[in-house]
C-alpha atoms as a PDB file:
ATOM      1  CA  MET A   1     230.995 249.606  61.986  1.00  0.00           C
ATOM      2  CA  SER A   2     230.278 247.205  64.285  1.00  0.00           C
ATOM      3  CA  ALA A   3     229.054 248.104  67.607  1.00  0.00           C
ATOM      4  CA  LYS A   4     231.448 246.063  69.501  1.00  0.00           C
ATOM      5  CA  ALA A   5     234.362 248.098  67.488  1.00  0.00           C
ATOM      6  CA  LYS A   6     232.570 251.060  68.017  1.00  0.00           C
ATOM      7  CA  GLN A   7     232.806 251.059  72.158  1.00  0.00           C
ATOM      8  CA  GLN A   8     236.089 249.907  70.982  1.00  0.00           C
ATOM      9  CA  PHE A   9     236.944 253.427  69.185  1.00  0.00           C
ATOM     10  CA  ILE A  10     235.318 255.945  71.522  1.00  0.00           C
ATOM     11  CA  GLY A  11     237.053 253.760  74.606  1.00  0.00           C
ATOM     12  CA  GLN A  12     240.243 254.471  73.176  1.00  0.00           C
ATOM     13  CA  LEU A  13     239.172 258.195  72.372  1.00  0.00           C
ATOM     14  CA  ARG A  14     238.620 258.650  76.090  1.00  0.00           C
ATOM     15  CA  GLY A  15     241.219 258.605  78.815  1.00  0.00           C
ATOM     16  CA  LYS A  16     242.190 256.936  82.209  1.00  0.00           C
ATOM     17  CA  ARG A  17     238.905 256.610  84.731  1.00  0.00           C
ATOM     18  CA  GLY A  18     236.342 257.396  82.059  1.00  0.00           C
ATOM     19  CA  HIS A  19     237.246 261.496  80.832  1.00  0.00           C
ATOM     20  CA  VAL A  20     237.236 262.437  77.188  1.00  0.00           C
ATOM     21  CA  ARG A  21     240.782 263.106  75.608  1.00  0.00           C
ATOM     22  CA  LYS A  22     241.816 266.885  74.522  1.00  0.00           C
ATOM     23  CA  TYR A  23     239.519 268.113  71.879  1.00  0.00           C
ATOM     24  CA  THR A  24     241.876 269.110  69.757  1.00  0.00           C
ATOM     25  CA  PHE A  25     240.432 272.023  67.807  1.00  0.00           C
ATOM     26  CA  ASN A  26     240.739 272.932  63.758  1.00  0.00           C
ATOM     27  CA  ASP A  27     241.439 276.181  62.763  1.00  0.00           C
ATOM     28  CA  ALA A  28     238.036 276.970  61.223  1.00  0.00           C
ATOM     29  CA  GLU A  29     236.891 275.876  64.906  1.00  0.00           C
ATOM     30  CA  GLN A  30     239.487 278.089  66.102  1.00  0.00           C
ATOM     31  CA  ALA A  31     238.506 281.195  64.601  1.00  0.00           C
ATOM     32  CA  ILE A  32     235.252 280.504  66.095  1.00  0.00           C
ATOM     33  CA  LEU A  33     237.564 281.065  69.602  1.00  0.00           C
ATOM     34  CA  ASP A  34     238.877 283.491  69.185  1.00  0.00           C
ATOM     35  CA  ALA A  35     236.665 284.955  68.048  1.00  0.00           C
ATOM     36  CA  GLY A  36     234.424 284.391  71.628  1.00  0.00           C
ATOM     37  CA  ARG A  37     237.585 285.217  73.369  1.00  0.00           C
ATOM     38  CA  LYS A  38     237.384 288.939  72.082  1.00  0.00           C
ATOM     39  CA  GLU A  39     234.213 289.549  72.293  1.00  0.00           C
ATOM     40  CA  TRP A  40     235.266 288.616  76.024  1.00  0.00           C
ATOM     41  CA  ALA A  41     238.188 290.609  76.768  1.00  0.00           C
ATOM     42  CA  SER A  42     235.814 293.480  75.815  1.00  0.00           C
ATOM     43  CA  GLY A  43     233.629 293.281  78.385  1.00  0.00           C
ATOM     44  CA  ARG A  44     230.148 292.363  75.612  1.00  0.00           C
ATOM     45  CA  VAL A  45     229.784 288.688  76.649  1.00  0.00           C
ATOM     46  CA  LYS A  46     230.922 286.590  80.387  1.00  0.00           C
ATOM     47  CA  ALA A  47     232.364 283.804  80.774  1.00  0.00           C
ATOM     48  CA  LYS A  48     230.182 281.345  81.751  1.00  0.00           C
ATOM     49  CA  ASP A  49     227.596 283.177  78.630  1.00  0.00           C
ATOM     50  CA  LEU A  50     230.979 282.411  76.424  1.00  0.00           C
ATOM     51  CA  ARG A  51     231.056 279.125  77.176  1.00  0.00           C
ATOM     52  CA  GLY A  52     227.263 278.082  75.949  1.00  0.00           C
ATOM     53  CA  SER A  53     227.500 279.707  72.664  1.00  0.00           C
ATOM     54  CA  LEU A  54     231.171 278.816  71.692  1.00  0.00           C
ATOM     55  CA  TYR A  55     229.465 274.934  72.064  1.00  0.00           C
ATOM     56  CA  ASN A  56     226.345 275.970  70.329  1.00  0.00           C
ATOM     57  CA  ASP A  57     229.213 277.507  67.131  1.00  0.00           C
ATOM     58  CA  ILE A  58     230.729 274.413  66.561  1.00  0.00           C
ATOM     59  CA  LYS A  59     228.639 272.360  66.599  1.00  0.00           C
ATOM     60  CA  ASP A  60     226.674 273.735  63.973  1.00  0.00           C
ATOM     61  CA  LEU A  61     229.696 274.202  62.136  1.00  0.00           C
ATOM     62  CA  TYR A  62     230.587 271.006  62.870  1.00  0.00           C
ATOM     63  CA  LEU A  63     227.233 269.095  61.745  1.00  0.00           C
ATOM     64  CA  LYS A  64     227.402 271.888  59.156  1.00  0.00           C
ATOM     65  CA  ASP A  65     230.427 270.027  56.940  1.00  0.00           C
ATOM     66  CA  ASN A  66     229.776 267.167  57.769  1.00  0.00           C
ATOM     67  CA  GLU A  67     225.950 266.575  57.414  1.00  0.00           C
ATOM     68  CA  LYS A  68     225.202 263.680  59.526  1.00  0.00           C
ATOM     69  CA  ARG A  69     224.684 264.013  63.677  1.00  0.00           C
ATOM     70  CA  MET A  70     227.084 264.592  66.156  1.00  0.00           C
ATOM     71  CA  GLU A  71     227.572 260.989  68.022  1.00  0.00           C
ATOM     72  CA  GLY A  72     227.105 261.240  72.292  1.00  0.00           C
ATOM     73  CA  TRP A  73     230.850 260.409  72.610  1.00  0.00           C
ATOM     74  CA  GLU A  74     231.357 263.914  69.501  1.00  0.00           C
ATOM     75  CA  ARG A  75     229.804 266.047  72.031  1.00  0.00           C
ATOM     76  CA  ASP A  76     231.263 265.578  75.003  1.00  0.00           C
ATOM     77  CA  SER A  77     234.913 265.938  73.927  1.00  0.00           C
ATOM     78  CA  LEU A  78     233.511 269.680  72.060  1.00  0.00           C
ATOM     79  CA  ARG A  79     232.196 270.252  75.468  1.00  0.00           C
ATOM     80  CA  ARG A  80     234.853 269.234  77.484  1.00  0.00           C
ATOM     81  CA  GLY A  81     237.235 270.838  75.109  1.00  0.00           C
ATOM     82  CA  VAL A  82     235.243 274.155  74.493  1.00  0.00           C
ATOM     83  CA  HIS A  83     234.812 274.055  78.603  1.00  0.00           C
ATOM     84  CA  THR A  84     238.933 274.112  79.369  1.00  0.00           C
ATOM     85  CA  PHE A  85     239.260 276.634  76.247  1.00  0.00           C
ATOM     86  CA  VAL A  86     237.657 279.709  78.419  1.00  0.00           C
ATOM     87  CA  GLN A  87     238.421 278.475  81.829  1.00  0.00           C
ATOM     88  CA  LEU A  88     242.777 278.653  79.904  1.00  0.00           C
ATOM     89  CA  ARG A  89     242.349 281.391  78.495  1.00  0.00           C
ATOM     90  CA  CYS A  90     239.249 283.921  79.685  1.00  0.00           C
ATOM     91  CA  LYS A  91     238.544 283.276  83.776  1.00  0.00           C
ATOM     92  CA  GLN A  92     241.583 281.969  84.419  1.00  0.00           C
ATOM     93  CA  ARG A  93     243.845 284.966  83.292  1.00  0.00           C
ATOM     94  CA  SER A  94     240.526 286.862  85.200  1.00  0.00           C
ATOM     95  CA  LYS A  95     241.027 285.490  88.218  1.00  0.00           C
ATOM     96  CA  ALA A  96     245.068 286.424  88.014  1.00  0.00           C
ATOM     97  CA  ALA A  97     244.304 289.398  87.131  1.00  0.00           C
ATOM     98  CA  ARG A  98     243.687 289.895  91.288  1.00  0.00           C
ATOM     99  CA  VAL A  99     244.787 288.082  94.332  1.00  0.00           C
ATOM    100  CA  GLY A 100     241.201 287.032  94.531  1.00  0.00           C
ATOM    101  CA  THR A 101     238.978 284.662  92.549  1.00  0.00           C
ATOM    102  CA  ARG A 102     236.578 286.795  90.399  1.00  0.00           C
ATOM    103  CA  ARG A 103     236.464 289.139  87.873  1.00  0.00           C
ATOM    104  CA  LEU A 104     236.855 292.951  87.663  1.00  0.00           C
ATOM    105  CA  THR A 105     233.941 294.956  87.578  1.00  0.00           C
ATOM    106  CA  TRP A 106     233.876 299.149  87.639  1.00  0.00           C
ATOM    107  CA  ARG A 107     232.270 298.738  90.605  1.00  0.00           C
ATOM    108  CA  ASP A 108     235.433 298.009  92.341  1.00  0.00           C
ATOM    109  CA  VAL A 109     237.210 300.676  89.810  1.00  0.00           C
ATOM    110  CA  LEU A 110     235.138 303.048  91.896  1.00  0.00           C
ATOM    111  CA  TYR A 111     236.369 301.574  95.241  1.00  0.00           C
ATOM    112  CA  TYR A 112     239.841 301.817  94.546  1.00  0.00           C
ATOM    113  CA  GLN A 113     239.447 305.710  93.151  1.00  0.00           C
ATOM    114  CA  MET A 114     236.305 307.340  95.979  1.00  0.00           C
ATOM    115  CA  PRO A 115     237.328 304.990  99.213  1.00  0.00           C
ATOM    116  CA  GLN A 116     236.309 308.194 100.989  1.00  0.00           C
ATOM    117  CA  ASP A 117     232.893 309.037  99.381  1.00  0.00           C
ATOM    118  CA  VAL A 118     232.185 305.197  99.764  1.00  0.00           C
ATOM    119  CA  ALA A 119     233.439 305.429 104.154  1.00  0.00           C
ATOM    120  CA  LYS A 120     231.286 308.358 104.440  1.00  0.00           C
ATOM    121  CA  THR A 121     228.048 306.681 102.781  1.00  0.00           C
ATOM    122  CA  LYS A 122     229.034 303.102 104.906  1.00  0.00           C
ATOM    123  CA  LYS A 123     228.407 305.767 107.575  1.00  0.00           C
ATOM    124  CA  LYS A 124     225.586 307.232 107.113  1.00  0.00           C
ATOM    125  CA  LEU A 125     224.255 303.583 106.361  1.00  0.00           C
ATOM    126  CA  MET A 126     225.383 301.578 109.398  1.00  0.00           C
ATOM    127  CA  THR A 127     223.678 304.666 111.108  1.00  0.00           C
ATOM    128  CA  LYS A 128     220.109 304.776 109.315  1.00  0.00           C
ATOM    129  CA  THR A 129     220.143 300.778 109.424  1.00  0.00           C
ATOM    130  CA  GLY A 130     221.851 299.645 112.306  1.00  0.00           C
ATOM    131  CA  LYS A 131     223.743 296.817 109.936  1.00  0.00           C
ATOM    132  CA  PRO A 132     228.100 296.142 110.485  1.00  0.00           C
ATOM    133  CA  ALA A 133     230.158 297.703 107.907  1.00  0.00           C
ATOM    134  CA  PHE A 134     230.267 294.617 105.219  1.00  0.00           C
ATOM    135  CA  HIS A 135     226.262 294.326 104.660  1.00  0.00           C
ATOM    136  CA  VAL A 136     225.876 297.770 103.854  1.00  0.00           C
ATOM    137  CA  HIS A 137     229.389 298.057 101.073  1.00  0.00           C
ATOM    138  CA  GLN A 138     227.061 297.131  98.134  1.00  0.00           C
ATOM    139  CA  GLN A 139     224.536 300.137  98.936  1.00  0.00           C
ATOM    140  CA  ALA A 140     226.977 302.448  98.927  1.00  0.00           C
ATOM    141  CA  ILE A 141     228.906 302.250  96.728  1.00  0.00           C
ATOM    142  CA  THR A 142     225.780 302.235  94.702  1.00  0.00           C
ATOM    143  CA  LEU A 143     224.954 305.569  95.633  1.00  0.00           C
ATOM    144  CA  VAL A 144     228.079 306.580  94.861  1.00  0.00           C
ATOM    145  CA  SER A 145     227.756 306.030  91.370  1.00  0.00           C
ATOM    146  CA  LYS A 146     223.759 306.886  90.844  1.00  0.00           C
ATOM    147  CA  LYS A 147     225.950 310.739  91.689  1.00  0.00           C
ATOM    148  CA  LEU A 148     228.346 310.005  88.029  1.00  0.00           C
ATOM    149  CA  SER A 149     227.789 310.902  85.162  1.00  0.00           C
ATOM    150  CA  SER A 150     227.617 308.541  81.800  1.00  0.00           C
ATOM    151  CA  ALA A 151     230.654 309.104  80.802  1.00  0.00           C
ATOM    152  CA  GLU A 152     232.446 308.226  83.712  1.00  0.00           C
ATOM    153  CA  VAL A 153     230.654 304.786  83.908  1.00  0.00           C
ATOM    154  CA  ALA A 154     232.104 304.326  80.614  1.00  0.00           C
ATOM    155  CA  ARG A 155     235.626 305.049  81.887  1.00  0.00           C
ATOM    156  CA  LEU A 156     235.853 303.249  85.019  1.00  0.00           C
ATOM    157  CA  LYS A 157     234.268 299.856  82.719  1.00  0.00           C
ATOM    158  CA  VAL A 158     237.497 300.410  80.958  1.00  0.00           C
ATOM    159  CA  ILE A 159     239.945 300.375  83.262  1.00  0.00           C
ATOM    160  CA  ALA A 160     238.792 296.752  84.799  1.00  0.00           C
ATOM    161  CA  SER A 161     238.887 295.236  80.686  1.00  0.00           C
ATOM    162  CA  ALA A 162     242.721 296.691  81.335  1.00  0.00           C
ATOM    163  CA  TRP A 163     242.681 295.636  85.264  1.00  0.00           C
ATOM    164  CA  ASN A 164     241.826 292.036  84.017  1.00  0.00           C
ATOM    165  CA  LEU A 165     243.909 291.230  81.406  1.00  0.00           C
ATOM    166  CA  THR A 166     247.297 293.353  82.308  1.00  0.00           C
ATOM    167  CA  GLY A 167     246.169 293.384  85.905  1.00  0.00           C
ATOM    168  CA  PRO A 168     245.794 295.911  89.183  1.00  0.00           C
ATOM    169  CA  PRO A 169     248.321 298.483  90.436  1.00  0.00           C
ATOM    170  CA  ASP A 170     250.599 297.120  92.715  1.00  0.00           C
ATOM    171  CA  ASP A 171     249.086 298.855  96.105  1.00  0.00           C
ATOM    172  CA  TYR A 172     245.410 297.724  94.974  1.00  0.00           C
ATOM    173  CA  LYS A 173     247.049 294.158  95.294  1.00  0.00           C
ATOM    174  CA  VAL A 174     248.861 295.119  98.796  1.00  0.00           C
ATOM    175  CA  ARG A 175     245.425 296.128 100.185  1.00  0.00           C
ATOM    176  CA  ASN A 176     243.188 293.389  99.397  1.00  0.00           C
ATOM    177  CA  ALA A 177     246.086 291.066 100.317  1.00  0.00           C
ATOM    178  CA  LEU A 178     245.905 292.887 103.775  1.00  0.00           C
ATOM    179  CA  LYS A 179     242.174 292.587 104.631  1.00  0.00           C
ATOM    180  CA  LYS A 180     241.975 288.963 103.462  1.00  0.00           C
ATOM    181  CA  LEU A 181     245.779 288.428 105.259  1.00  0.00           C
ATOM    182  CA  ASP A 182     244.473 288.275 109.124  1.00  0.00           C
ATOM    183  CA  LYS A 183     241.753 285.642 108.359  1.00  0.00           C
ATOM    184  CA  ARG A 184     243.976 283.294 106.161  1.00  0.00           C
ATOM    185  CA  THR A 185     246.736 283.613 108.339  1.00  0.00           C
ATOM    186  CA  GLN A 186     244.351 283.350 111.987  1.00  0.00           C
ATOM    187  CA  GLU A 187     242.391 280.000 110.409  1.00  0.00           C
ATOM    188  CA  PHE A 188     246.268 277.687 109.228  1.00  0.00           C
ATOM    189  CA  ALA A 189     247.545 279.186 112.902  1.00  0.00           C
ATOM    190  CA  ARG A 190     244.947 277.684 114.090  1.00  0.00           C
ATOM    191  CA  ASP A 191     244.776 274.403 112.887  1.00  0.00           C
ATOM    192  CA  VAL A 192     248.686 274.116 112.900  1.00  0.00           C
ATOM    193  CA  LEU A 193     248.285 274.811 117.214  1.00  0.00           C
ATOM    194  CA  THR A 194     245.882 272.334 117.454  1.00  0.00           C
ATOM    195  CA  GLN A 195     246.844 269.799 116.265  1.00  0.00           C
ATOM    196  CA  HIS A 196     250.449 270.127 117.262  1.00  0.00           C
ATOM    197  CA  GLY A 197     250.539 272.391 119.150  1.00  0.00           C
ATOM    198  CA  ALA A 198     252.908 274.803 116.979  1.00  0.00           C
ATOM    199  CA  ILE A 199     252.854 278.748 117.095  1.00  0.00           C
ATOM    200  CA  TYR A 200     253.453 280.529 113.920  1.00  0.00           C
ATOM    201  CA  PHE A 201     254.360 283.549 113.643  1.00  0.00           C
ATOM    202  CA  PHE A 202     253.986 285.658 109.922  1.00  0.00           C
ATOM    203  CA  ILE A 203     256.625 288.175 108.184  1.00  0.00           C
ATOM    204  CA  TYR A 204     254.781 289.428 104.993  1.00  0.00           C
ATOM    205  CA  ALA A 205     256.739 291.752 102.730  1.00  0.00           C
ATOM    206  CA  PHE A 206     254.725 293.858  99.382  1.00  0.00           C
ATOM    207  CA  LYS A 207     256.025 296.020  96.697  1.00  0.00           C
ATOM    208  CA  GLY A 208     253.547 299.583  97.454  1.00  0.00           C
ATOM    209  CA  ALA A 209     252.421 301.432  95.404  1.00  0.00           C
ATOM    210  CA  ASP A 210     255.933 304.313  95.759  1.00  0.00           C
ATOM    211  CA  GLY A 211     257.982 301.119  94.868  1.00  0.00           C
ATOM    212  CA  GLY A 212     259.257 300.412  98.825  1.00  0.00           C
ATOM    213  CA  ILE A 213     258.808 297.415 100.498  1.00  0.00           C
ATOM    214  CA  GLN A 214     255.928 297.453 103.062  1.00  0.00           C
ATOM    215  CA  THR A 215     256.511 295.152 105.486  1.00  0.00           C
ATOM    216  CA  GLY A 216     254.468 293.620 108.694  1.00  0.00           C
ATOM    217  CA  THR A 217     253.943 290.688 111.256  1.00  0.00           C
ATOM    218  CA  GLN A 218     251.159 288.801 111.913  1.00  0.00           C
ATOM    219  CA  GLU A 219     250.749 286.689 114.419  1.00  0.00           C
ATOM    220  CA  TRP A 220     247.873 284.338 116.163  1.00  0.00           C
ATOM    221  CA  THR A 221     247.633 281.954 118.612  1.00  0.00           C
ATOM    222  CA  ASN A 222     244.209 280.111 121.179  1.00  0.00           C
ATOM    223  CA  LEU A 223     246.336 280.691 123.596  1.00  0.00           C
ATOM    224  CA  PHE A 224     245.979 284.288 124.943  1.00  0.00           C
ATOM    225  CA  ARG A 225     241.944 283.786 122.801  1.00  0.00           C
ATOM    226  CA  GLY A 226     242.759 286.286 119.885  1.00  0.00           C
ATOM    227  CA  ARG A 227     244.987 288.557 121.246  1.00  0.00           C
ATOM    228  CA  SER A 228     249.297 289.013 120.090  1.00  0.00           C
ATOM    229  CA  PHE A 229     251.489 286.650 121.524  1.00  0.00           C
ATOM    230  CA  ASP A 230     254.006 289.459 121.346  1.00  0.00           C
ATOM    231  CA  VAL A 231     251.992 291.558 122.913  1.00  0.00           C
ATOM    232  CA  GLU A 232     251.180 289.039 126.148  1.00  0.00           C
ATOM    233  CA  ARG A 233     255.052 287.571 126.163  1.00  0.00           C
ATOM    234  CA  ARG A 234     255.861 291.674 126.423  1.00  0.00           C
ATOM    235  CA  LYS A 235     253.069 291.945 129.325  1.00  0.00           C
ATOM    236  CA  GLN A 236     254.227 288.729 131.592  1.00  0.00           C
ATOM    237  CA  TRP A 237     257.926 289.915 130.806  1.00  0.00           C
ATOM    238  CA  ASP A 238     257.843 293.756 132.194  1.00  0.00           C
ATOM    239  CA  GLY A 239     255.326 291.849 134.905  1.00  0.00           C
ATOM    240  CA  SER A 240     258.086 289.816 136.364  1.00  0.00           C
ATOM    241  CA  GLY A 241     260.687 291.988 137.448  1.00  0.00           C
ATOM    242  CA  ALA A 242     263.325 290.440 135.365  1.00  0.00           C
ATOM    243  CA  SER A 243     262.396 293.703 132.685  1.00  0.00           C
ATOM    244  CA  MET A 244     265.936 295.547 134.885  1.00  0.00           C
ATOM    245  CA  LEU A 245     268.097 293.277 133.642  1.00  0.00           C
ATOM    246  CA  GLY A 246     267.071 294.697 129.950  1.00  0.00           C
ATOM    247  CA  SER A 247     264.341 294.033 127.161  1.00  0.00           C
ATOM    248  CA  PRO A 248     263.476 290.413 125.816  1.00  0.00           C
ATOM    249  CA  GLY A 249     265.691 291.687 122.980  1.00  0.00           C
ATOM    250  CA  ASP A 250     269.039 291.058 124.519  1.00  0.00           C
ATOM    251  CA  VAL A 251     268.090 287.437 124.673  1.00  0.00           C
ATOM    252  CA  VAL A 252     271.785 285.941 123.013  1.00  0.00           C
ATOM    253  CA  GLY A 253     272.200 282.385 122.571  1.00  0.00           C
ATOM    254  CA  GLY A 254     269.378 281.493 124.971  1.00  0.00           C
ATOM    255  CA  GLU A 255     270.286 283.353 127.380  1.00  0.00           C
ATOM    256  CA  LYS A 256     269.866 286.928 129.222  1.00  0.00           C
ATOM    257  CA  ASN A 257     273.161 289.498 128.407  1.00  0.00           C
ATOM    258  CA  VAL A 258     272.703 291.157 131.587  1.00  0.00           C
ATOM    259  CA  ASN A 259     275.814 294.085 129.775  1.00  0.00           C
ATOM    260  CA  SER A 260     273.512 295.486 127.449  1.00  0.00           C
ATOM    261  CA  ARG A 261     270.892 297.529 129.772  1.00  0.00           C
ATOM    262  CA  ARG A 262     271.842 297.474 133.358  1.00  0.00           C
ATOM    263  CA  PRO A 263     269.881 300.064 135.402  1.00  0.00           C
ATOM    264  CA  SER A 264     271.601 302.806 137.355  1.00  0.00           C
ATOM    265  CA  SER A 265     270.526 300.322 140.483  1.00  0.00           C
ATOM    266  CA  LEU A 266     272.531 297.514 140.047  1.00  0.00           C
ATOM    267  CA  ALA A 267     275.691 299.550 137.868  1.00  0.00           C
ATOM    268  CA  ARG A 268     279.457 298.115 139.911  1.00  0.00           C
ATOM    269  CA  PRO A 269     280.675 300.926 142.400  1.00  0.00           C
ATOM    270  CA  ALA A 270     283.851 302.320 141.629  1.00  0.00           C
ATOM    271  CA  ALA A 271     287.256 300.500 142.339  1.00  0.00           C
END
């Protein structure tokens, strides 16, 4: 094959902007991938290490079958194919199992099952070191874990592996979502208020561990230096003297419904 023909052939394998097209695995290569994924699911290998081992195993298989050296574009295509497989079949599933960006570990399960023990240990560390809670959180989990037997740690690891495949309990998702809700809504509300002058109120709902629906509201605005807009509105209403005519909730259609809650001092005289 001439150099020009070879260049055209390589160009056909590449998509737009020079990216290599999707790599198609044969049966032998797919068997290597499936075996590697089972290793990952059992927790014996991490996704970042799995990518390299799968690439090397398939490359060795390719060299053995073809008895020749792989071209640069072939190695590039294979590397991208293995990377895509690991992202879709391993790392992405562990991300979806949790409302976050990383795979769950047995330490996460320990904190979920023993929150009171971790909290007590954390409080002692905060008093001893003078550091805030988030600085001593992992250290507290480590100290609590040292009190567990090897069998108990093994049980936590089994639960963590199951959570990564099927997802954690609903109350675990709710607890972690509520932790991040305040920061994320504040960032969004701050951007909208700064750029457009609009104030956002958030209403959230989660399915609790008992099957019920847990609801709440979240609000934040720079106008009150992070304090609740609704609380400040009620304070202003109570201090204006207009509260004698009722509560802010009595406003219907943009007008105050004074008949809904009329104080005795404003009652009409008897005819």
